[in-house]
Amino acid sequence: MLVLSCSTKLLILENMLRSHFPESLKVYGAVMNINRGNPFQKEVVLDAWPDFKAVITRQQREAETDNLDHYTNAYAVFYKDATAYQRLLEEHDVINWDQVFQIQGLQSELSDISKAVANSKRLDVKLTSFKAVHFSPVSSLPDTSFLPASSPRSLTALGVGDAELLNRTWSRGGNPQCLRYLARLVACFPSACVRDARGRPVSWGLTDQFATMCHGYTLPEHRRRGYGRLVALALAAKLQRRGFPAQGNVLDDNAPSISLLRGVHARFLPCRFHRLILTPAPAAPQAP
């Protein structure tokens, strides 16, 4: 195991990962954030340098962690050789197996390898697979004249104070860990939001620690007005202006979001996005 901490080498790694799109997109996004201030306290672990065959991004060991927070305790994976990934996964001190965490990646063998190692350590594994998408360059935003006329700043960014609403409306949310995580995302990364005349968010999208567009949502009473399309394109444009690829994922049965993505000419990638949430087995009670 090698922790890559040299800023020059991290920039070289960023450039190297570009030649492995789209499979390297999750790790690439995390490395880009590391190279631009590292607001989420990430680090890079490889099997070797510079001829690496597997790379994992993870939380810095000195960062404060909550063992129940699988949102923040997240690893992104890219490998050129599946066996090298398995060896790195099994190596001592690469993964903190004592906490709830997630593994993300865009390669087909990732889930089987990760599950096999996790099962050997008696962890419960929940796998979800998504369509992966990439936005074409956004040259101009759609017309915003339909936005509430009484609010001149209707298209804005989210604020930390909006995290409570985000937590209530996210299908993966509704708990203190998610609330804290969403507040950090809003504070650290680009977002887009349509607000009503009273300044309350009605439609939004944000960016996660892997530079992935996530939690695109419109309140039910404000749907079918074009807000979701506007937010998606505004957020994609923000990311692209900063040099990031505008990428996201969507569940296969989320017909409204798939229709929206097709409407803005987002490209569905040939690979799929896999997210595994891993939970350690409860400790066995000690004999009296």
Protein backbone atom coordinates (compact mmCIF):
# COMPACT_ATOMS: atom_id res chain seq x y z
CA MET A 1 0.00 0.00 0.00
CA LEU A 2 1.20 3.49 -0.89
CA VAL A 3 -0.48 6.70 0.27
CA LEU A 4 0.10 9.29 -2.45
CA SER A 5 0.59 12.63 -0.72
CA CYS A 6 2.92 14.51 -3.09
CA SER A 7 0.98 17.35 -4.76
CA THR A 8 2.92 16.96 -8.01
CA LYS A 9 2.22 13.22 -8.17
CA LEU A 10 -1.46 13.82 -7.42
CA LEU A 11 -1.68 16.17 -10.40
CA ILE A 12 0.05 13.55 -12.54
CA LEU A 13 -2.46 10.95 -11.31
CA GLU A 14 -5.34 13.26 -12.23
CA ASN A 15 -4.01 13.48 -15.79
CA MET A 16 -3.43 9.71 -15.95
CA LEU A 17 -6.99 8.96 -14.87
CA ARG A 18 -8.39 10.96 -17.79
CA SER A 19 -7.20 8.30 -20.21
CA HIS A 20 -9.40 5.75 -18.44
CA PHE A 21 -12.77 7.51 -18.73
CA PRO A 22 -15.52 6.66 -18.06
CA GLU A 23 -14.55 3.87 -15.63
CA SER A 24 -12.23 6.16 -13.65
CA LEU A 25 -14.73 9.03 -13.25
CA LYS A 26 -15.47 8.51 -9.53
CA VAL A 27 -11.82 8.38 -8.51
CA TYR A 28 -11.03 11.20 -10.93
CA GLY A 29 -13.63 13.47 -9.30
CA ALA A 30 -12.27 12.72 -5.84
CA VAL A 31 -8.68 13.39 -6.95
CA MET A 32 -9.73 16.67 -8.59
CA ASN A 33 -11.24 17.79 -5.29
CA ILE A 34 -8.07 16.76 -3.43
CA ASN A 35 -6.02 18.85 -5.84
CA ARG A 36 -8.32 21.86 -5.38
CA GLY A 37 -8.18 22.38 -1.63
CA ASN A 38 -9.30 18.94 -0.43
CA PRO A 39 -12.42 20.21 1.38
CA PHE A 40 -13.56 16.66 2.22
CA GLN A 41 -10.22 15.51 3.71
CA LYS A 42 -9.60 12.70 1.22
CA GLU A 43 -6.44 10.81 0.37
CA VAL A 44 -5.29 8.38 -2.32
CA VAL A 45 -4.08 4.81 -1.78
CA LEU A 46 -2.42 2.84 -4.59
CA ASP A 47 -0.74 -0.51 -5.00
CA ALA A 48 2.31 1.09 -6.69
CA TRP A 49 3.55 4.31 -8.31
CA PRO A 50 3.68 5.33 -11.07
CA ASP A 51 2.68 2.01 -12.67
CA PHE A 52 -0.36 1.49 -10.48
CA LYS A 53 -2.94 -1.19 -11.18
CA ALA A 54 -5.46 -0.21 -8.48
CA VAL A 55 -6.31 3.06 -6.75
CA ILE A 56 -8.70 3.82 -3.89
CA THR A 57 -9.69 7.20 -2.47
CA ARG A 58 -10.69 7.32 1.18
CA GLN A 59 -11.03 9.64 4.18
CA GLN A 60 -7.73 10.79 5.65
CA ARG A 61 -6.93 8.76 8.72
CA GLU A 62 -6.59 11.92 10.84
CA ALA A 63 -10.06 13.16 9.85
CA GLU A 64 -12.82 12.91 12.43
CA THR A 65 -15.21 10.09 11.60
CA ASP A 66 -18.53 8.74 12.78
CA ASN A 67 -18.56 4.95 12.52
CA LEU A 68 -22.26 5.02 11.59
CA ASP A 69 -21.84 7.59 8.79
CA HIS A 70 -21.62 5.62 5.55
CA TYR A 71 -22.21 8.83 3.58
CA THR A 72 -18.85 10.33 4.56
CA ASN A 73 -17.04 7.01 5.07
CA ALA A 74 -16.94 6.43 1.32
CA TYR A 75 -14.30 4.85 -0.90
CA ALA A 76 -14.04 5.32 -4.67
CA VAL A 77 -12.28 2.60 -6.67
CA PHE A 78 -10.61 2.30 -10.05
CA TYR A 79 -8.40 -0.55 -11.17
CA LYS A 80 -6.61 -1.71 -14.31
CA ASP A 81 -6.40 -5.25 -12.95
CA ALA A 82 -9.16 -6.81 -10.83
CA THR A 83 -6.72 -9.03 -8.94
CA ALA A 84 -4.67 -5.98 -7.96
CA TYR A 85 -7.85 -4.37 -6.57
CA GLN A 86 -8.64 -7.46 -4.51
CA ARG A 87 -5.10 -7.55 -3.11
CA LEU A 88 -5.27 -3.86 -2.19
CA LEU A 89 -8.68 -4.34 -0.59
CA GLU A 90 -7.35 -7.20 1.52
CA GLU A 91 -4.19 -5.38 2.54
CA HIS A 92 -3.96 -4.32 6.18
CA ASP A 93 -5.14 -0.79 7.03
CA VAL A 94 -6.47 0.16 3.59
CA ILE A 95 -10.14 -0.17 4.64
CA ASN A 96 -11.62 0.50 8.07
CA TRP A 97 -13.74 -2.64 8.39
CA ASP A 98 -15.01 -1.65 11.85
CA GLN A 99 -17.35 1.08 10.62
CA VAL A 100 -20.31 1.34 8.27
CA PHE A 101 -19.01 2.52 4.90
CA GLN A 102 -19.60 2.47 1.17
CA ILE A 103 -17.58 1.58 -1.91
CA GLN A 104 -18.32 3.24 -5.25
CA GLY A 105 -17.07 2.53 -8.74
CA LEU A 106 -17.91 2.08 -12.41
CA GLN A 107 -16.45 -1.36 -13.14
CA SER A 108 -18.34 -4.61 -13.42
CA GLU A 109 -16.12 -6.84 -11.25
CA LEU A 110 -16.05 -4.32 -8.39
CA SER A 111 -19.20 -5.56 -6.68
CA ASP A 112 -18.30 -9.26 -6.76
CA ILE A 113 -14.76 -8.69 -5.49
CA SER A 114 -15.87 -6.27 -2.77
CA LYS A 115 -18.67 -8.59 -1.63
CA ALA A 116 -16.37 -11.60 -1.47
CA VAL A 117 -13.85 -9.81 0.74
CA ALA A 118 -16.60 -8.27 2.88
CA ASN A 119 -18.27 -11.66 3.37
CA SER A 120 -14.99 -13.12 4.56
CA LYS A 121 -14.98 -10.42 7.24
CA ARG A 122 -18.65 -11.00 8.14
CA LEU A 123 -19.97 -7.68 6.87
CA ASP A 124 -23.48 -7.23 5.55
CA VAL A 125 -23.47 -5.86 1.98
CA LYS A 126 -26.21 -3.88 0.25
CA LEU A 127 -25.60 -3.35 -3.47
CA THR A 128 -27.37 -0.80 -5.67
CA SER A 129 -26.62 -0.40 -9.36
CA PHE A 130 -27.44 2.66 -11.46
CA LYS A 131 -27.29 3.96 -15.00
CA ALA A 132 -24.25 6.26 -15.27
CA VAL A 133 -24.66 9.51 -17.22
CA HIS A 134 -22.46 12.30 -18.52
CA PHE A 135 -23.58 15.77 -19.61
CA SER A 136 -22.46 17.22 -22.92
CA PRO A 137 -20.91 20.70 -22.74
CA VAL A 138 -23.54 23.22 -21.69
CA SER A 139 -23.00 26.30 -23.86
CA SER A 140 -26.02 28.26 -22.66
CA LEU A 141 -28.78 27.87 -20.11
CA PRO A 142 -32.46 27.59 -21.08
CA ASP A 143 -34.77 30.57 -20.83
CA THR A 144 -35.42 31.56 -17.20
CA SER A 145 -38.34 33.90 -17.87
CA PHE A 146 -40.75 31.34 -16.44
CA LEU A 147 -39.20 31.63 -12.96
CA PRO A 148 -41.12 33.52 -10.24
CA ALA A 149 -40.98 37.15 -11.36
CA SER A 150 -41.18 38.51 -7.79
CA SER A 151 -37.80 37.00 -6.88
CA PRO A 152 -34.95 38.44 -8.98
CA ARG A 153 -32.51 35.88 -7.55
CA SER A 154 -34.67 32.83 -8.16
CA LEU A 155 -31.84 30.70 -9.59
CA THR A 156 -29.25 30.50 -6.83
CA ALA A 157 -27.01 28.09 -4.95
CA LEU A 158 -28.13 26.11 -1.93
CA GLY A 159 -27.14 27.25 1.55
CA VAL A 160 -26.22 25.24 4.64
CA GLY A 161 -29.53 26.30 6.14
CA ASP A 162 -31.31 24.29 3.42
CA ALA A 163 -29.78 21.00 4.61
CA GLU A 164 -32.78 20.13 6.80
CA LEU A 165 -35.09 20.21 3.76
CA LEU A 166 -32.59 18.21 1.70
CA ASN A 167 -32.38 15.58 4.42
CA ARG A 168 -36.17 15.23 4.63
CA THR A 169 -36.63 14.84 0.89
CA TRP A 170 -33.70 12.56 -0.03
CA SER A 171 -34.63 8.91 -0.35
CA ARG A 172 -31.35 8.03 1.38
CA GLY A 173 -31.76 10.64 4.11
CA GLY A 174 -33.80 11.28 7.21
CA ASN A 175 -31.07 10.77 9.81
CA PRO A 176 -28.45 12.90 11.66
CA GLN A 177 -25.52 11.50 9.68
CA CYS A 178 -27.14 12.43 6.38
CA LEU A 179 -28.06 15.90 7.63
CA ARG A 180 -24.43 16.58 8.60
CA TYR A 181 -23.19 15.14 5.30
CA LEU A 182 -25.54 17.22 3.15
CA ALA A 183 -24.61 20.40 5.02
CA ARG A 184 -20.94 19.69 4.25
CA LEU A 185 -21.68 19.04 0.58
CA VAL A 186 -23.54 22.32 0.25
CA ALA A 187 -20.72 24.19 2.02
CA CYS A 188 -17.94 22.60 -0.06
CA PHE A 189 -19.20 21.93 -3.58
CA PRO A 190 -21.31 23.50 -6.38
CA SER A 191 -25.09 23.38 -6.22
CA ALA A 192 -28.05 24.95 -8.03
CA CYS A 193 -31.47 25.83 -6.70
CA VAL A 194 -34.72 27.45 -7.81
CA ARG A 195 -36.41 29.39 -5.00
CA ASP A 196 -39.94 30.69 -4.71
CA ALA A 197 -40.87 34.31 -4.07
CA ARG A 198 -40.25 33.83 -0.33
CA GLY A 199 -36.77 32.42 -0.90
CA ARG A 200 -37.63 28.79 -0.15
CA PRO A 201 -36.04 26.06 -2.32
CA VAL A 202 -38.49 24.33 -4.65
CA SER A 203 -36.05 22.50 -6.96
CA TRP A 204 -32.35 21.74 -6.56
CA GLY A 205 -29.31 19.63 -7.31
CA LEU A 206 -25.95 19.35 -5.59
CA THR A 207 -22.53 17.76 -5.99
CA ASP A 208 -20.98 15.06 -3.83
CA GLN A 209 -17.43 14.29 -2.71
CA PHE A 210 -16.70 12.48 -6.00
CA ALA A 211 -17.81 15.49 -8.09
CA THR A 212 -20.99 13.62 -8.99
CA MET A 213 -24.29 15.44 -9.43
CA CYS A 214 -26.73 14.08 -6.84
CA HIS A 215 -30.04 14.59 -5.00
CA GLY A 216 -31.77 16.27 -7.93
CA TYR A 217 -35.26 16.94 -6.55
CA THR A 218 -38.31 19.14 -7.12
CA LEU A 219 -41.04 19.49 -4.52
CA PRO A 220 -44.17 17.66 -5.77
CA GLU A 221 -46.33 20.78 -5.97
CA HIS A 222 -43.77 22.50 -8.24
CA ARG A 223 -43.19 19.72 -10.78
CA ARG A 224 -43.83 19.89 -14.53
CA ARG A 225 -42.69 23.52 -14.72
CA GLY A 226 -39.20 22.99 -16.14
CA TYR A 227 -37.38 23.62 -12.87
CA GLY A 228 -35.59 20.26 -12.82
CA ARG A 229 -34.24 20.80 -16.33
CA LEU A 230 -33.00 24.28 -15.44
CA VAL A 231 -31.31 23.10 -12.24
CA ALA A 232 -29.60 20.15 -13.97
CA LEU A 233 -28.19 22.31 -16.76
CA ALA A 234 -27.17 25.11 -14.37
CA LEU A 235 -25.28 22.67 -12.14
CA ALA A 236 -23.65 20.92 -15.12
CA ALA A 237 -22.50 24.30 -16.42
CA LYS A 238 -21.03 25.22 -13.02
CA LEU A 239 -19.02 22.00 -12.91
CA GLN A 240 -17.82 22.36 -16.49
CA ARG A 241 -16.69 25.95 -15.92
CA ARG A 242 -14.49 24.66 -13.07
CA GLY A 243 -13.01 21.98 -15.32
CA PHE A 244 -14.97 19.05 -13.83
CA PRO A 245 -16.83 16.49 -15.92
CA ALA A 246 -20.57 16.81 -15.30
CA GLN A 247 -21.53 13.26 -14.33
CA GLY A 248 -24.37 11.61 -12.46
CA ASN A 249 -26.34 8.40 -11.96
CA VAL A 250 -29.96 7.38 -12.02
CA LEU A 251 -31.90 4.28 -10.99
CA ASP A 252 -33.28 2.20 -13.85
CA ASP A 253 -36.88 2.65 -12.68
CA ASN A 254 -36.69 6.44 -12.19
CA ALA A 255 -38.62 7.24 -15.36
CA PRO A 256 -39.07 11.01 -14.73
CA SER A 257 -35.33 11.57 -14.19
CA ILE A 258 -34.40 9.42 -17.19
CA SER A 259 -36.81 11.43 -19.34
CA LEU A 260 -35.29 14.69 -18.05
CA LEU A 261 -31.76 13.48 -18.78
CA ARG A 262 -32.72 12.47 -22.31
CA GLY A 263 -34.36 15.85 -22.77
CA VAL A 264 -31.11 17.67 -22.00
CA HIS A 265 -29.14 15.23 -24.21
CA ALA A 266 -27.13 13.68 -21.37
CA ARG A 267 -25.24 10.60 -22.51
CA PHE A 268 -25.88 7.26 -20.84
CA LEU A 269 -22.48 5.63 -20.35
CA PRO A 270 -21.66 2.03 -21.36
CA CYS A 271 -20.58 1.21 -17.79
CA ARG A 272 -22.82 1.19 -14.72
CA PHE A 273 -22.37 2.85 -11.36
CA HIS A 274 -22.20 0.45 -8.41
CA ARG A 275 -22.59 1.48 -4.77
CA LEU A 276 -22.09 -1.00 -1.96
CA ILE A 277 -23.01 -0.12 1.63
CA LEU A 278 -21.15 -2.39 4.04
CA THR A 279 -22.11 -2.87 7.68
CA PRO A 280 -20.06 -4.84 10.25
CA ALA A 281 -21.87 -7.70 11.95
CA PRO A 282 -22.92 -6.93 15.54
CA ALA A 283 -20.35 -8.07 18.07
CA ALA A 284 -21.26 -11.37 19.69
CA PRO A 285 -22.23 -11.03 23.38
CA GLN A 286 -19.51 -12.09 25.77
CA ALA A 287 -20.14 -15.08 27.99
CA PRO A 288 -20.77 -14.19 31.65
